[in-house]
Amino acid sequence: MIGAQSSPPAWQYFLNPWWQEKQVYVTSLDLQECRRRLDESTSRFLWRAVGRAMVSAADYTLHHVTFWRNSFKPYAYVKLDGSMPPQTIVRVTLSAPLSVRLFFVFWYAFLLVYVAVGAMGARGHIAGPDALLLGGFVVLFAAMPMAMNTFGRVLSQGDRDFLTGFLMNELELREPLGLPIA
């Protein structure tokens, strides 16, 4: 990948629902020019290749607009820092949307409560086929979201590079020398 970054292993993109990749760049454009370019080249609706969120904790939350809905696709959370005029530091975090990460937290919390209540209710009374059925249920409930995550990430495999390339071209980004990623 391009840019100063902290890259997790490649398999994490497909299996880890909390996957994120941080990149830091520098551009010779000033802060206002960066904002102008991103405002003009992205849309909050569907008529551009790159969409941006209506509300965002970052300066810009960007995603690749496609004709199908995929909640597992990567989003680029862009923060612009004009503390080094005339240059601008651009911090990009690629990750799944917050809604997907929260879904996984609630899913596994539910699974944990389900197993705990089932174990307390059984107290040694479940044996043989019933125990096997309960174990299979737990494995299925643990594996199903990972399969959904993997399928969604396979569908959007090129989006990570597309968003990085878009930002590189639009903001004329280059790698910084010796800047911390945080």
Protein backbone atom coordinates (compact mmCIF):
# COMPACT_ATOMS: atom_id res chain seq x y z
CA MET A 1 0.00 0.00 0.00
CA ILE A 2 0.94 3.61 -0.47
CA GLY A 3 1.70 6.01 2.36
CA ALA A 4 3.00 5.80 5.90
CA GLN A 5 0.72 3.36 7.58
CA SER A 6 0.16 0.75 10.20
CA SER A 7 -1.03 -2.20 8.14
CA PRO A 8 -2.52 -5.24 9.76
CA PRO A 9 -1.94 -8.59 8.05
CA ALA A 10 -3.94 -8.99 4.82
CA TRP A 11 -6.22 -11.72 6.21
CA GLN A 12 -7.58 -9.30 8.83
CA TYR A 13 -9.31 -7.28 6.12
CA PHE A 14 -11.53 -10.29 5.41
CA LEU A 15 -11.97 -11.83 8.87
CA ASN A 16 -11.62 -9.05 11.44
CA PRO A 17 -14.80 -6.92 11.66
CA TRP A 18 -12.85 -4.29 13.65
CA TRP A 19 -10.11 -4.05 11.00
CA GLN A 20 -8.62 -0.63 10.43
CA GLU A 21 -5.66 0.75 8.58
CA LYS A 22 -4.14 4.16 9.33
CA GLN A 23 -2.26 6.25 6.78
CA VAL A 24 -0.64 9.68 7.07
CA TYR A 25 0.17 11.89 4.10
CA VAL A 26 1.28 15.44 3.36
CA THR A 27 0.08 17.70 0.55
CA SER A 28 1.37 21.05 -0.63
CA LEU A 29 -2.24 22.29 -0.85
CA ASP A 30 -3.53 24.47 1.97
CA LEU A 31 -6.38 23.38 4.23
CA GLN A 32 -9.09 25.37 2.42
CA GLU A 33 -8.04 24.05 -0.99
CA CYS A 34 -8.17 20.47 0.33
CA ARG A 35 -11.68 21.04 1.64
CA ARG A 36 -12.79 22.68 -1.62
CA ARG A 37 -11.47 19.79 -3.71
CA LEU A 38 -13.10 17.15 -1.52
CA ASP A 39 -16.41 19.04 -1.46
CA GLU A 40 -16.44 19.36 -5.25
CA SER A 41 -15.33 15.82 -6.07
CA THR A 42 -17.59 13.95 -3.63
CA SER A 43 -21.32 13.89 -3.09
CA ARG A 44 -23.68 13.19 -0.22
CA PHE A 45 -25.95 11.48 -2.72
CA LEU A 46 -25.35 8.92 -5.47
CA TRP A 47 -24.16 10.94 -8.47
CA ARG A 48 -20.40 10.71 -7.87
CA ALA A 49 -18.04 7.74 -7.58
CA VAL A 50 -17.12 8.76 -4.04
CA GLY A 51 -19.81 9.57 -1.50
CA ARG A 52 -19.44 11.33 1.82
CA ALA A 53 -21.47 10.99 4.98
CA MET A 54 -23.95 13.64 6.07
CA VAL A 55 -22.60 13.60 9.63
CA SER A 56 -19.08 12.55 10.58
CA ALA A 57 -16.75 12.69 13.55
CA ALA A 58 -13.88 13.06 11.05
CA ASP A 59 -13.62 15.97 8.62
CA TYR A 60 -14.79 13.65 5.84
CA THR A 61 -16.18 10.12 5.85
CA LEU A 62 -15.84 8.78 2.32
CA HIS A 63 -17.02 5.58 0.65
CA HIS A 64 -17.06 4.13 -2.85
CA VAL A 65 -20.54 4.46 -4.35
CA THR A 66 -21.73 1.25 -5.98
CA PHE A 67 -25.11 0.10 -7.22
CA TRP A 68 -25.49 -2.49 -4.43
CA ARG A 69 -25.69 -1.94 -0.69
CA ASN A 70 -22.77 -3.41 1.21
CA SER A 71 -22.48 -2.48 4.88
CA PHE A 72 -19.12 -4.22 5.20
CA LYS A 73 -17.28 -2.08 2.64
CA PRO A 74 -14.40 0.06 3.91
CA TYR A 75 -14.89 3.72 4.66
CA ALA A 76 -12.14 6.35 4.64
CA TYR A 77 -12.24 8.66 7.65
CA VAL A 78 -10.22 11.72 6.60
CA LYS A 79 -8.87 14.33 9.02
CA LEU A 80 -7.18 17.43 7.65
CA ASP A 81 -4.57 19.19 9.76
CA GLY A 82 -3.37 22.64 8.70
CA SER A 83 -0.84 23.05 11.50
CA MET A 84 2.15 23.12 9.10
CA PRO A 85 1.31 25.91 6.60
CA PRO A 86 1.54 25.96 3.64
CA GLN A 87 1.28 22.16 3.77
CA THR A 88 -1.62 20.11 5.07
CA ILE A 89 -1.31 16.83 6.92
CA VAL A 90 -3.96 14.33 5.85
CA ARG A 91 -4.71 11.45 8.23
CA VAL A 92 -6.75 8.63 6.71
CA THR A 93 -8.21 5.73 8.64
CA LEU A 94 -9.72 2.97 6.54
CA SER A 95 -12.17 0.78 8.43
CA ALA A 96 -15.68 -0.61 8.50
CA PRO A 97 -18.49 1.79 9.38
CA LEU A 98 -19.30 2.25 13.04
CA SER A 99 -22.71 0.58 12.60
CA VAL A 100 -21.07 -2.68 11.51
CA ARG A 101 -18.61 -2.65 14.38
CA LEU A 102 -21.45 -2.04 16.85
CA PHE A 103 -23.48 -4.83 15.26
CA PHE A 104 -20.66 -7.26 15.99
CA VAL A 105 -20.34 -6.07 19.59
CA PHE A 106 -24.05 -6.64 20.19
CA TRP A 107 -24.07 -9.94 18.32
CA TYR A 108 -21.23 -11.44 20.37
CA ALA A 109 -22.60 -9.95 23.61
CA PHE A 110 -25.91 -11.67 22.86
CA LEU A 111 -24.08 -14.92 22.11
CA LEU A 112 -22.16 -14.68 25.38
CA VAL A 113 -25.36 -14.09 27.38
CA TYR A 114 -27.06 -16.97 25.51
CA VAL A 115 -24.25 -19.38 26.37
CA ALA A 116 -24.06 -18.18 30.00
CA VAL A 117 -27.82 -18.53 30.55
CA GLY A 118 -27.84 -21.90 28.79
CA ALA A 119 -24.95 -23.16 30.89
CA MET A 120 -26.51 -21.94 34.14
CA GLY A 121 -29.88 -23.46 33.24
CA ALA A 122 -28.42 -26.81 32.25
CA ARG A 123 -26.03 -27.36 35.18
CA GLY A 124 -24.98 -30.77 33.96
CA HIS A 125 -28.41 -31.88 32.75
CA ILE A 126 -27.54 -31.55 29.09
CA ALA A 127 -25.72 -34.56 27.69
CA GLY A 128 -25.44 -36.49 24.47
CA PRO A 129 -27.33 -35.14 21.46
CA ASP A 130 -28.67 -32.09 23.32
CA ALA A 131 -25.16 -30.93 24.24
CA LEU A 132 -24.04 -31.48 20.67
CA LEU A 133 -27.00 -29.48 19.37
CA LEU A 134 -26.28 -26.60 21.81
CA GLY A 135 -22.58 -26.62 20.85
CA GLY A 136 -23.46 -26.60 17.15
CA PHE A 137 -25.84 -23.69 17.72
CA VAL A 138 -23.11 -21.69 19.46
CA VAL A 139 -20.56 -22.44 16.71
CA LEU A 140 -23.09 -21.48 14.02
CA PHE A 141 -23.96 -18.21 15.79
CA ALA A 142 -20.25 -17.39 16.22
CA ALA A 143 -19.33 -18.22 12.61
CA MET A 144 -22.28 -16.63 10.81
CA PRO A 145 -21.25 -12.96 11.28
CA MET A 146 -17.69 -13.78 10.25
CA ALA A 147 -19.01 -15.37 7.06
CA MET A 148 -21.15 -12.29 6.38
CA ASN A 149 -18.14 -10.05 7.01
CA THR A 150 -15.92 -12.10 4.69
CA PHE A 151 -18.55 -12.13 1.93
CA GLY A 152 -19.07 -8.36 2.20
CA ARG A 153 -15.34 -7.66 2.16
CA VAL A 154 -14.81 -9.91 -0.87
CA LEU A 155 -17.50 -7.93 -2.72
CA SER A 156 -15.75 -4.65 -1.89
CA GLN A 157 -12.15 -5.85 -2.13
CA GLY A 158 -11.01 -3.05 -4.48
CA ASP A 159 -12.67 -0.24 -2.51
CA ARG A 160 -9.73 0.21 -0.15
CA ASP A 161 -7.32 0.87 -3.03
CA PHE A 162 -9.94 2.93 -4.88
CA LEU A 163 -10.42 5.30 -1.93
CA THR A 164 -6.67 5.60 -1.32
CA GLY A 165 -6.05 6.29 -5.01
CA PHE A 166 -8.86 8.85 -5.10
CA LEU A 167 -7.38 10.76 -2.17
CA MET A 168 -3.86 10.53 -3.60
CA ASN A 169 -4.98 12.02 -6.92
CA GLU A 170 -7.49 14.56 -5.64
CA LEU A 171 -5.30 16.05 -2.90
CA GLU A 172 -1.92 15.43 -4.55
CA LEU A 173 -0.75 13.48 -1.52
CA ARG A 174 2.79 12.31 -0.85
CA GLU A 175 4.33 10.36 1.97
CA PRO A 176 5.44 12.38 4.99
CA LEU A 177 8.86 11.95 6.48
CA GLY A 178 8.95 10.99 10.12
CA LEU A 179 5.40 11.95 11.15
CA PRO A 180 3.70 9.83 13.80
CA ILE A 181 0.66 7.88 12.68
CA ALA A 182 -1.50 8.55 15.75
